[in-house]
Each structure stands twice: as structure tokens, then as C-alpha cells.
PDB file of N, CA and C in Angstrom:
ATOM      1  N   LEU A   1     -32.592 -30.177 -28.974  1.00  0.00           N
ATOM      2  CA  LEU A   1     -31.587 -29.571 -28.096  1.00  0.00           C
ATOM      3  C   LEU A   1     -32.287 -28.942 -26.818  1.00  0.00           C
ATOM      4  N   GLY A   2     -31.464 -28.901 -25.723  1.00  0.00           N
ATOM      5  CA  GLY A   2     -32.064 -28.488 -24.470  1.00  0.00           C
ATOM      6  C   GLY A   2     -32.078 -26.756 -24.599  1.00  0.00           C
ATOM      7  N   GLN A   3     -32.644 -26.252 -23.619  1.00  0.00           N
ATOM      8  CA  GLN A   3     -32.743 -24.866 -23.616  1.00  0.00           C
ATOM      9  C   GLN A   3     -31.378 -24.048 -23.661  1.00  0.00           C
ATOM     10  N   VAL A   4     -30.417 -24.454 -22.859  1.00  0.00           N
ATOM     11  CA  VAL A   4     -29.068 -23.793 -22.903  1.00  0.00           C
ATOM     12  C   VAL A   4     -28.525 -24.047 -24.151  1.00  0.00           C
ATOM     13  N   GLU A   5     -28.530 -25.215 -24.678  1.00  0.00           N
ATOM     14  CA  GLU A   5     -27.938 -25.510 -26.001  1.00  0.00           C
ATOM     15  C   GLU A   5     -28.548 -24.718 -27.135  1.00  0.00           C
ATOM     16  N   SER A   6     -29.831 -24.566 -27.019  1.00  0.00           N
ATOM     17  CA  SER A   6     -30.634 -23.749 -28.118  1.00  0.00           C
ATOM     18  C   SER A   6     -30.127 -22.299 -27.947  1.00  0.00           C
ATOM     19  N   PHE A   7     -30.043 -21.751 -26.839  1.00  0.00           N
ATOM     20  CA  PHE A   7     -29.565 -20.377 -26.635  1.00  0.00           C
ATOM     21  C   PHE A   7     -28.263 -20.129 -27.190  1.00  0.00           C
ATOM     22  N   PHE A   8     -27.227 -21.078 -27.001  1.00  0.00           N
ATOM     23  CA  PHE A   8     -25.935 -20.838 -27.447  1.00  0.00           C
ATOM     24  C   PHE A   8     -25.892 -21.026 -29.036  1.00  0.00           C
ATOM     25  N   HIS A   9     -26.749 -21.910 -29.500  1.00  0.00           N
ATOM     26  CA  HIS A   9     -26.821 -22.076 -30.904  1.00  0.00           C
ATOM     27  C   HIS A   9     -27.366 -20.843 -31.687  1.00  0.00           C
ATOM     28  N   VAL A  10     -28.313 -20.139 -30.907  1.00  0.00           N
ATOM     29  CA  VAL A  10     -28.936 -19.020 -31.602  1.00  0.00           C
ATOM     30  C   VAL A  10     -27.778 -17.793 -31.532  1.00  0.00           C
ATOM     31  N   ILE A  11     -27.135 -17.600 -30.419  1.00  0.00           N
ATOM     32  CA  ILE A  11     -26.308 -16.487 -30.327  1.00  0.00           C
ATOM     33  C   ILE A  11     -24.829 -16.715 -30.860  1.00  0.00           C
ATOM     34  N   SER A  12     -24.453 -17.936 -31.171  1.00  0.00           N
ATOM     35  CA  SER A  12     -23.130 -18.304 -31.683  1.00  0.00           C
ATOM     36  C   SER A  12     -22.778 -17.544 -32.905  1.00  0.00           C
ATOM     37  N   PRO A  13     -23.695 -17.263 -33.829  1.00  0.00           N
ATOM     38  CA  PRO A  13     -23.317 -16.635 -35.113  1.00  0.00           C
ATOM     39  C   PRO A  13     -23.077 -15.148 -34.976  1.00  0.00           C
ATOM     40  N   LEU A  14     -23.496 -14.567 -33.797  1.00  0.00           N
ATOM     41  CA  LEU A  14     -23.412 -13.176 -33.622  1.00  0.00           C
ATOM     42  C   LEU A  14     -21.880 -12.733 -33.594  1.00  0.00           C
ATOM     43  N   PRO A  15     -21.538 -11.634 -34.295  1.00  0.00           N
ATOM     44  CA  PRO A  15     -20.090 -11.330 -34.310  1.00  0.00           C
ATOM     45  C   PRO A  15     -19.571 -10.776 -32.987  1.00  0.00           C
ATOM     46  N   ALA A  16     -18.243 -11.347 -32.651  1.00  0.00           N
ATOM     47  CA  ALA A  16     -17.602 -10.930 -31.476  1.00  0.00           C
ATOM     48  C   ALA A  16     -18.436 -11.135 -30.167  1.00  0.00           C
ATOM     49  N   ILE A  17     -19.270 -12.264 -30.135  1.00  0.00           N
ATOM     50  CA  ILE A  17     -20.127 -12.525 -28.953  1.00  0.00           C
ATOM     51  C   ILE A  17     -19.323 -12.707 -27.701  1.00  0.00           C
ATOM     52  N   HIS A  18     -18.090 -13.349 -27.870  1.00  0.00           N
ATOM     53  CA  HIS A  18     -17.266 -13.549 -26.561  1.00  0.00           C
ATOM     54  C   HIS A  18     -16.907 -12.172 -26.016  1.00  0.00           C
ATOM     55  N   ASP A  19     -16.465 -11.272 -26.885  1.00  0.00           N
ATOM     56  CA  ASP A  19     -16.066  -9.941 -26.397  1.00  0.00           C
ATOM     57  C   ASP A  19     -17.273  -9.199 -25.747  1.00  0.00           C
ATOM     58  N   ARG A  20     -18.475  -9.389 -26.302  1.00  0.00           N
ATOM     59  CA  ARG A  20     -19.676  -8.735 -25.880  1.00  0.00           C
ATOM     60  C   ARG A  20     -20.054  -9.257 -24.444  1.00  0.00           C
ATOM     61  N   ILE A  21     -19.949 -10.481 -24.356  1.00  0.00           N
ATOM     62  CA  ILE A  21     -20.300 -11.079 -23.022  1.00  0.00           C
ATOM     63  C   ILE A  21     -19.320 -10.605 -21.944  1.00  0.00           C
ATOM     64  N   GLU A  22     -18.000 -10.637 -22.345  1.00  0.00           N
ATOM     65  CA  GLU A  22     -17.038 -10.183 -21.443  1.00  0.00           C
ATOM     66  C   GLU A  22     -17.245  -8.678 -21.047  1.00  0.00           C
ATOM     67  N   SER A  23     -17.740  -7.889 -22.010  1.00  0.00           N
ATOM     68  CA  SER A  23     -17.929  -6.426 -21.844  1.00  0.00           C
ATOM     69  C   SER A  23     -19.132  -6.392 -20.666  1.00  0.00           C
ATOM     70  N   LEU A  24     -20.118  -7.151 -21.000  1.00  0.00           N
ATOM     71  CA  LEU A  24     -21.368  -7.047 -20.097  1.00  0.00           C
ATOM     72  C   LEU A  24     -21.000  -7.526 -18.658  1.00  0.00           C
ATOM     73  N   LEU A  25     -20.165  -8.574 -18.598  1.00  0.00           N
ATOM     74  CA  LEU A  25     -19.791  -8.969 -17.246  1.00  0.00           C
ATOM     75  C   LEU A  25     -18.896  -7.906 -16.556  1.00  0.00           C
ATOM     76  N   PHE A  26     -17.981  -7.285 -17.273  1.00  0.00           N
ATOM     77  CA  PHE A  26     -17.192  -6.214 -16.680  1.00  0.00           C
ATOM     78  C   PHE A  26     -18.029  -5.058 -16.253  1.00  0.00           C
ATOM     79  N   LYS A  27     -18.954  -4.645 -17.056  1.00  0.00           N
ATOM     80  CA  LYS A  27     -19.839  -3.549 -16.684  1.00  0.00           C
ATOM     81  C   LYS A  27     -20.660  -3.850 -15.397  1.00  0.00           C
ATOM     82  N   GLN A  28     -21.139  -5.187 -15.317  1.00  0.00           N
ATOM     83  CA  GLN A  28     -21.769  -5.646 -14.158  1.00  0.00           C
ATOM     84  C   GLN A  28     -20.988  -5.528 -12.785  1.00  0.00           C
ATOM     85  N   LYS A  29     -19.717  -5.922 -12.965  1.00  0.00           N
ATOM     86  CA  LYS A  29     -18.749  -5.833 -11.779  1.00  0.00           C
ATOM     87  C   LYS A  29     -18.167  -4.489 -11.572  1.00  0.00           C
ATOM     88  N   LEU A  30     -18.236  -3.665 -12.424  1.00  0.00           N
ATOM     89  CA  LEU A  30     -17.513  -2.352 -12.447  1.00  0.00           C
ATOM     90  C   LEU A  30     -18.028  -1.494 -11.034  1.00  0.00           C
ATOM     91  N   GLU A  31     -19.288  -1.375 -10.936  1.00  0.00           N
ATOM     92  CA  GLU A  31     -19.751  -0.515  -9.958  1.00  0.00           C
ATOM     93  C   GLU A  31     -19.367  -1.033  -8.576  1.00  0.00           C
ATOM     94  N   SER A  32     -19.445  -2.332  -8.343  1.00  0.00           N
ATOM     95  CA  SER A  32     -19.063  -2.761  -6.938  1.00  0.00           C
ATOM     96  C   SER A  32     -17.527  -2.621  -6.811  1.00  0.00           C
ATOM     97  N   THR A  33     -16.791  -2.689  -7.905  1.00  0.00           N
ATOM     98  CA  THR A  33     -15.319  -2.619  -7.832  1.00  0.00           C
ATOM     99  C   THR A  33     -14.869  -1.123  -7.495  1.00  0.00           C
ATOM    100  N   VAL A  34     -15.628  -0.254  -8.105  1.00  0.00           N
ATOM    101  CA  VAL A  34     -15.306   1.159  -7.838  1.00  0.00           C
ATOM    102  C   VAL A  34     -15.791   1.613  -6.417  1.00  0.00           C
ATOM    103  N   THR A  35     -16.910   0.990  -5.903  1.00  0.00           N
ATOM    104  CA  THR A  35     -17.357   1.328  -4.614  1.00  0.00           C
ATOM    105  C   THR A  35     -16.302   0.825  -3.597  1.00  0.00           C
ATOM    106  N   THR A  36     -15.746  -0.406  -3.816  1.00  0.00           N
ATOM    107  CA  THR A  36     -14.751  -0.958  -2.886  1.00  0.00           C
ATOM    108  C   THR A  36     -13.406  -0.181  -2.966  1.00  0.00           C
ATOM    109  N   LEU A  37     -12.925   0.161  -4.138  1.00  0.00           N
ATOM    110  CA  LEU A  37     -11.771   0.974  -4.248  1.00  0.00           C
ATOM    111  C   LEU A  37     -11.850   2.418  -3.673  1.00  0.00           C
ATOM    112  N   ASP A  38     -13.164   2.985  -3.782  1.00  0.00           N
ATOM    113  CA  ASP A  38     -13.379   4.291  -3.166  1.00  0.00           C
ATOM    114  C   ASP A  38     -13.310   4.219  -1.626  1.00  0.00           C
ATOM    115  N   GLU A  39     -13.895   3.187  -1.076  1.00  0.00           N
ATOM    116  CA  GLU A  39     -13.812   2.959   0.506  1.00  0.00           C
ATOM    117  C   GLU A  39     -12.343   2.838   0.865  1.00  0.00           C
ATOM    118  N   ARG A  40     -11.560   2.036   0.092  1.00  0.00           N
ATOM    119  CA  ARG A  40     -10.196   1.774   0.475  1.00  0.00           C
ATOM    120  C   ARG A  40      -9.315   3.113   0.379  1.00  0.00           C
ATOM    121  N   LEU A  41      -9.736   3.921  -0.763  1.00  0.00           N
ATOM    122  CA  LEU A  41      -8.964   5.130  -0.872  1.00  0.00           C
ATOM    123  C   LEU A  41      -9.337   6.181   0.184  1.00  0.00           C
ATOM    124  N   LYS A  42     -10.513   6.123   0.699  1.00  0.00           N
ATOM    125  CA  LYS A  42     -10.909   6.998   1.760  1.00  0.00           C
ATOM    126  C   LYS A  42     -10.172   6.623   3.013  1.00  0.00           C
ATOM    127  N   ILE A  43      -9.984   5.269   3.270  1.00  0.00           N
ATOM    128  CA  ILE A  43      -9.146   4.828   4.469  1.00  0.00           C
ATOM    129  C   ILE A  43      -7.739   5.353   4.374  1.00  0.00           C
ATOM    130  N   VAL A  44      -7.171   5.154   3.177  1.00  0.00           N
ATOM    131  CA  VAL A  44      -5.841   5.577   3.112  1.00  0.00           C
ATOM    132  C   VAL A  44      -5.625   7.004   3.196  1.00  0.00           C
ATOM    133  N   THR A  45      -6.597   7.789   2.768  1.00  0.00           N
ATOM    134  CA  THR A  45      -6.512   9.266   2.729  1.00  0.00           C
ATOM    135  C   THR A  45      -6.564   9.726   4.196  1.00  0.00           C
ATOM    136  N   VAL A  46      -7.441   9.147   5.021  1.00  0.00           N
ATOM    137  CA  VAL A  46      -7.591   9.476   6.375  1.00  0.00           C
ATOM    138  C   VAL A  46      -6.340   9.157   7.113  1.00  0.00           C
ATOM    139  N   ALA A  47      -5.698   7.957   6.773  1.00  0.00           N
ATOM    140  CA  ALA A  47      -4.529   7.529   7.466  1.00  0.00           C
ATOM    141  C   ALA A  47      -3.389   8.517   7.102  1.00  0.00           C
ATOM    142  N   CYS A  48      -3.202   8.879   5.838  1.00  0.00           N
ATOM    143  CA  CYS A  48      -2.202   9.813   5.422  1.00  0.00           C
ATOM    144  C   CYS A  48      -2.435  11.209   6.116  1.00  0.00           C
ATOM    145  N   GLU A  49      -3.529  11.701   6.262  1.00  0.00           N
ATOM    146  CA  GLU A  49      -3.785  12.949   6.899  1.00  0.00           C
ATOM    147  C   GLU A  49      -3.447  12.856   8.413  1.00  0.00           C
ATOM    148  N   LYS A  50      -3.792  11.704   9.019  1.00  0.00           N
ATOM    149  CA  LYS A  50      -3.337  11.616  10.447  1.00  0.00           C
ATOM    150  C   LYS A  50      -1.851  11.542  10.658  1.00  0.00           C
ATOM    151  N   VAL A  51      -1.179  10.890   9.640  1.00  0.00           N
ATOM    152  CA  VAL A  51       0.236  10.675   9.796  1.00  0.00           C
ATOM    153  C   VAL A  51       0.888  12.016   9.651  1.00  0.00           C
ATOM    154  N   SER A  52       0.432  12.726   8.545  1.00  0.00           N
ATOM    155  CA  SER A  52       1.043  14.078   8.363  1.00  0.00           C
ATOM    156  C   SER A  52       0.718  15.134   9.411  1.00  0.00           C
ATOM    157  N   LYS A  53      -0.323  14.901  10.113  1.00  0.00           N
ATOM    158  CA  LYS A  53      -0.554  15.973  11.183  1.00  0.00           C
ATOM    159  C   LYS A  53      -0.261  15.609  12.662  1.00  0.00           C
ATOM    160  N   SER A  54       0.301  14.464  12.895  1.00  0.00           N
ATOM    161  CA  SER A  54       0.616  13.847  14.088  1.00  0.00           C
ATOM    162  C   SER A  54       1.981  14.630  14.586  1.00  0.00           C
ATOM    163  N   GLU A  55       1.799  15.361  15.534  1.00  0.00           N
ATOM    164  CA  GLU A  55       2.883  16.014  16.240  1.00  0.00           C
ATOM    165  C   GLU A  55       3.824  14.968  16.995  1.00  0.00           C
ATOM    166  N   ARG A  56       3.165  13.952  17.526  1.00  0.00           N
ATOM    167  CA  ARG A  56       3.894  12.968  18.331  1.00  0.00           C
ATOM    168  C   ARG A  56       4.762  12.148  17.428  1.00  0.00           C
ATOM    169  N   LEU A  57       4.237  11.792  16.242  1.00  0.00           N
ATOM    170  CA  LEU A  57       5.065  11.027  15.274  1.00  0.00           C
ATOM    171  C   LEU A  57       6.154  11.903  14.718  1.00  0.00           C
ATOM    172  N   ALA A  58       5.957  13.112  14.564  1.00  0.00           N
ATOM    173  CA  ALA A  58       7.045  13.984  14.080  1.00  0.00           C
ATOM    174  C   ALA A  58       8.177  14.101  15.157  1.00  0.00           C
ATOM    175  N   LYS A  59       7.764  14.190  16.300  1.00  0.00           N
ATOM    176  CA  LYS A  59       8.795  14.247  17.465  1.00  0.00           C
ATOM    177  C   LYS A  59       9.406  12.981  17.544  1.00  0.00           C
ATOM    178  N   LEU A  60       8.830  11.744  17.434  1.00  0.00           N
ATOM    179  CA  LEU A  60       9.560  10.524  17.455  1.00  0.00           C
ATOM    180  C   LEU A  60      10.546  10.485  16.245  1.00  0.00           C
ATOM    181  N   LEU A  61      10.116  10.722  15.116  1.00  0.00           N
ATOM    182  CA  LEU A  61      11.099  10.731  13.965  1.00  0.00           C
ATOM    183  C   LEU A  61      12.220  11.636  14.257  1.00  0.00           C
ATOM    184  N   GLU A  62      12.057  12.738  14.804  1.00  0.00           N
ATOM    185  CA  GLU A  62      13.073  13.726  15.171  1.00  0.00           C
ATOM    186  C   GLU A  62      14.118  13.033  16.179  1.00  0.00           C
ATOM    187  N   ILE A  63      13.526  12.407  17.158  1.00  0.00           N
ATOM    188  CA  ILE A  63      14.426  11.781  18.121  1.00  0.00           C
ATOM    189  C   ILE A  63      15.166  10.750  17.564  1.00  0.00           C
ATOM    190  N   VAL A  64      14.599   9.929  16.699  1.00  0.00           N
ATOM    191  CA  VAL A  64      15.339   8.810  15.948  1.00  0.00           C
ATOM    192  C   VAL A  64      16.408   9.311  15.183  1.00  0.00           C
ATOM    193  N   LEU A  65      16.161  10.486  14.459  1.00  0.00           N
ATOM    194  CA  LEU A  65      17.256  11.094  13.660  1.00  0.00           C
ATOM    195  C   LEU A  65      18.354  11.579  14.603  1.00  0.00           C
ATOM    196  N   LYS A  66      18.047  12.181  15.603  1.00  0.00           N
ATOM    197  CA  LYS A  66      19.146  12.734  16.553  1.00  0.00           C
ATOM    198  C   LYS A  66      19.876  11.572  17.202  1.00  0.00           C
ATOM    199  N   LEU A  67      19.210  10.549  17.612  1.00  0.00           N
ATOM    200  CA  LEU A  67      19.814   9.392  18.222  1.00  0.00           C
ATOM    201  C   LEU A  67      20.777   8.685  17.159  1.00  0.00           C
ATOM    202  N   GLY A  68      20.224   8.530  15.922  1.00  0.00           N
ATOM    203  CA  GLY A  68      21.058   7.930  14.791  1.00  0.00           C
ATOM    204  C   GLY A  68      22.388   8.741  14.692  1.00  0.00           C
ATOM    205  N   ASN A  69      22.251  10.104  14.611  1.00  0.00           N
ATOM    206  CA  ASN A  69      23.372  10.967  14.351  1.00  0.00           C
ATOM    207  C   ASN A  69      24.341  10.782  15.620  1.00  0.00           C
ATOM    208  N   TYR A  70      23.763  10.742  16.729  1.00  0.00           N
ATOM    209  CA  TYR A  70      24.668  10.643  17.881  1.00  0.00           C
ATOM    210  C   TYR A  70      25.403   9.243  17.870  1.00  0.00           C
ATOM    211  N   LEU A  71      24.766   8.129  17.639  1.00  0.00           N
ATOM    212  CA  LEU A  71      25.252   6.886  17.524  1.00  0.00           C
ATOM    213  C   LEU A  71      26.376   6.771  16.473  1.00  0.00           C
ATOM    214  N   ASN A  72      26.061   7.477  15.371  1.00  0.00           N
ATOM    215  CA  ASN A  72      26.978   7.373  14.197  1.00  0.00           C
ATOM    216  C   ASN A  72      27.948   8.477  14.293  1.00  0.00           C
ATOM    217  N   GLY A  73      28.082   9.285  15.178  1.00  0.00           N
ATOM    218  CA  GLY A  73      28.865  10.505  15.231  1.00  0.00           C
ATOM    219  C   GLY A  73      30.376  10.216  15.000  1.00  0.00           C
ATOM    220  N   GLY A  74      31.044  10.890  14.311  1.00  0.00           N
ATOM    221  CA  GLY A  74      32.445  10.520  13.872  1.00  0.00           C
ATOM    222  C   GLY A  74      32.702   9.625  12.822  1.00  0.00           C
ATOM    223  N   THR A  75      31.520   9.166  12.287  1.00  0.00           N
ATOM    224  CA  THR A  75      31.632   8.379  10.940  1.00  0.00           C
ATOM    225  C   THR A  75      31.119   9.061   9.885  1.00  0.00           C
ATOM    226  N   GLN A  76      31.073   8.449   8.733  1.00  0.00           N
ATOM    227  CA  GLN A  76      30.412   9.009   7.483  1.00  0.00           C
ATOM    228  C   GLN A  76      28.926   9.043   7.706  1.00  0.00           C
ATOM    229  N   ARG A  77      28.388   8.151   8.480  1.00  0.00           N
ATOM    230  CA  ARG A  77      26.884   8.117   8.566  1.00  0.00           C
ATOM    231  C   ARG A  77      26.340   9.235   9.651  1.00  0.00           C
ATOM    232  N   GLY A  78      27.280   9.801  10.350  1.00  0.00           N
ATOM    233  CA  GLY A  78      26.724  10.813  11.249  1.00  0.00           C
ATOM    234  C   GLY A  78      26.398  12.213  10.600  1.00  0.00           C
ATOM    235  N   GLY A  79      25.656  12.979  11.191  1.00  0.00           N
ATOM    236  CA  GLY A  79      25.336  14.296  10.777  1.00  0.00           C
ATOM    237  C   GLY A  79      24.421  14.383   9.563  1.00  0.00           C
ATOM    238  N   VAL A  80      23.528  13.246   9.395  1.00  0.00           N
ATOM    239  CA  VAL A  80      22.598  13.258   8.163  1.00  0.00           C
ATOM    240  C   VAL A  80      21.355  14.161   8.547  1.00  0.00           C
ATOM    241  N   PHE A  81      20.721  14.684   7.570  1.00  0.00           N
ATOM    242  CA  PHE A  81      19.467  15.607   7.648  1.00  0.00           C
ATOM    243  C   PHE A  81      18.261  14.782   7.591  1.00  0.00           C
ATOM    244  N   GLY A  82      18.340  13.528   7.242  1.00  0.00           N
ATOM    245  CA  GLY A  82      17.089  12.629   7.181  1.00  0.00           C
ATOM    246  C   GLY A  82      17.499  11.276   6.870  1.00  0.00           C
ATOM    247  N   TYR A  83      16.313  10.463   6.797  1.00  0.00           N
ATOM    248  CA  TYR A  83      16.581   9.055   6.472  1.00  0.00           C
ATOM    249  C   TYR A  83      15.323   8.495   5.771  1.00  0.00           C
ATOM    250  N   ARG A  84      15.475   7.286   5.219  1.00  0.00           N
ATOM    251  CA  ARG A  84      14.356   6.657   4.697  1.00  0.00           C
ATOM    252  C   ARG A  84      13.631   5.910   5.651  1.00  0.00           C
ATOM    253  N   LEU A  85      12.306   5.770   5.456  1.00  0.00           N
ATOM    254  CA  LEU A  85      11.344   5.239   6.458  1.00  0.00           C
ATOM    255  C   LEU A  85      11.789   3.651   6.674  1.00  0.00           C
ATOM    256  N   ASP A  86      12.268   3.064   5.695  1.00  0.00           N
ATOM    257  CA  ASP A  86      12.680   1.516   5.910  1.00  0.00           C
ATOM    258  C   ASP A  86      13.666   1.410   6.948  1.00  0.00           C
ATOM    259  N   VAL A  87      14.434   2.524   7.212  1.00  0.00           N
ATOM    260  CA  VAL A  87      15.465   2.408   8.391  1.00  0.00           C
ATOM    261  C   VAL A  87      14.797   2.178   9.720  1.00  0.00           C
ATOM    262  N   LEU A  88      13.592   2.560   9.914  1.00  0.00           N
ATOM    263  CA  LEU A  88      12.827   2.403  11.220  1.00  0.00           C
ATOM    264  C   LEU A  88      12.737   1.053  11.566  1.00  0.00           C
ATOM    265  N   ALA A  89      12.612   0.110  10.486  1.00  0.00           N
ATOM    266  CA  ALA A  89      12.420  -1.308  10.896  1.00  0.00           C
ATOM    267  C   ALA A  89      13.817  -1.872  11.399  1.00  0.00           C
ATOM    268  N   LYS A  90      14.906  -1.320  11.145  1.00  0.00           N
ATOM    269  CA  LYS A  90      16.209  -1.790  11.540  1.00  0.00           C
ATOM    270  C   LYS A  90      16.548  -1.306  13.107  1.00  0.00           C
ATOM    271  N   LEU A  91      15.649  -0.480  13.688  1.00  0.00           N
ATOM    272  CA  LEU A  91      15.861   0.028  15.050  1.00  0.00           C
ATOM    273  C   LEU A  91      15.828  -1.190  16.001  1.00  0.00           C
ATOM    274  N   ALA A  92      15.117  -2.140  15.706  1.00  0.00           N
ATOM    275  CA  ALA A  92      15.008  -3.381  16.554  1.00  0.00           C
ATOM    276  C   ALA A  92      16.327  -4.069  16.685  1.00  0.00           C
ATOM    277  N   THR A  93      17.236  -3.873  15.725  1.00  0.00           N
ATOM    278  CA  THR A  93      18.557  -4.700  15.672  1.00  0.00           C
ATOM    279  C   THR A  93      19.624  -3.862  16.178  1.00  0.00           C
ATOM    280  N   VAL A  94      19.382  -2.610  16.631  1.00  0.00           N
ATOM    281  CA  VAL A  94      20.526  -1.824  17.199  1.00  0.00           C
ATOM    282  C   VAL A  94      20.844  -2.400  18.539  1.00  0.00           C
ATOM    283  N   LYS A  95      22.064  -2.556  18.786  1.00  0.00           N
ATOM    284  CA  LYS A  95      22.582  -3.249  20.137  1.00  0.00           C
ATOM    285  C   LYS A  95      23.446  -2.265  20.832  1.00  0.00           C
ATOM    286  N   SER A  96      23.676  -2.569  22.058  1.00  0.00           N
ATOM    287  CA  SER A  96      24.516  -1.814  22.827  1.00  0.00           C
ATOM    288  C   SER A  96      26.064  -2.228  22.427  1.00  0.00           C
ATOM    289  N   LEU A  97      26.906  -1.409  22.992  1.00  0.00           N
ATOM    290  CA  LEU A  97      28.324  -1.538  22.690  1.00  0.00           C
ATOM    291  C   LEU A  97      28.810  -2.962  22.988  1.00  0.00           C
ATOM    292  N   ASP A  98      28.328  -3.535  24.005  1.00  0.00           N
ATOM    293  CA  ASP A  98      28.818  -4.878  24.448  1.00  0.00           C
ATOM    294  C   ASP A  98      27.917  -5.932  23.873  1.00  0.00           C
ATOM    295  N   ASN A  99      27.019  -5.672  22.871  1.00  0.00           N
ATOM    296  CA  ASN A  99      26.102  -6.545  22.240  1.00  0.00           C
ATOM    297  C   ASN A  99      25.083  -7.354  23.141  1.00  0.00           C
ATOM    298  N   THR A 100      24.793  -6.761  24.317  1.00  0.00           N
ATOM    299  CA  THR A 100      23.791  -7.424  25.253  1.00  0.00           C
ATOM    300  C   THR A 100      22.478  -6.915  25.185  1.00  0.00           C
ATOM    301  N   LYS A 101      22.254  -5.696  24.817  1.00  0.00           N
ATOM    302  CA  LYS A 101      20.962  -5.083  24.836  1.00  0.00           C
ATOM    303  C   LYS A 101      20.506  -4.474  23.495  1.00  0.00           C
ATOM    304  N   THR A 102      19.279  -4.610  23.152  1.00  0.00           N
ATOM    305  CA  THR A 102      18.850  -3.924  21.948  1.00  0.00           C
ATOM    306  C   THR A 102      17.901  -2.830  22.219  1.00  0.00           C
TER     307      THR A 102
END
């Protein structure tokens, strides 16, 4: 038998060898995975802090709310106190009364 075949012949009778090898591989990859996730978490944390502390973004969201209430005045949609953030994506589809401008 070759060297590789001999190695597997020797370790094959060991109990739960497949699980043991998978555990070793997992342990080997774990540190780099944790490091990558930690870096990504730091980026998201910084982004969240900047969004929550941004006075300009708060003012923009306030203007959008007031504009929406004005445009929807007199309807059931007017006079709201807030909106979901997914509504912001719909702003590009708002048209003028004669449907010529967005």
C-alpha cells in the first residue's frame, strides 16, 4: 500500500474518525471565521452609530415625513407620525399631478 492508503488503513478502525476529523477542521477554521465576523461587526457598529448620530439624516427623514403628510393630506394616509424605512425607496416613483415629473 502507498503512504496515504496505509495512513487511512491505520486510522479507519478508530471510533467516530469522520466526526473527529470534521471537528479538527472546524477548530482550524474557527479563529479566522471569528476574526472576519468581528471585523464585519465593527463596521456595522460604526455605521449604526453614524446613522443614529447624524443630524442631517434626521432632518431629511423629518422633511420626507412632512412632505408625505402634505401630499397625502385629506386622505387616510395623511397625518402619520412615522413610516417604515422601505418607503424611502418609493420616493423615486412619486410623480407630479400631471405625471410628468418625479
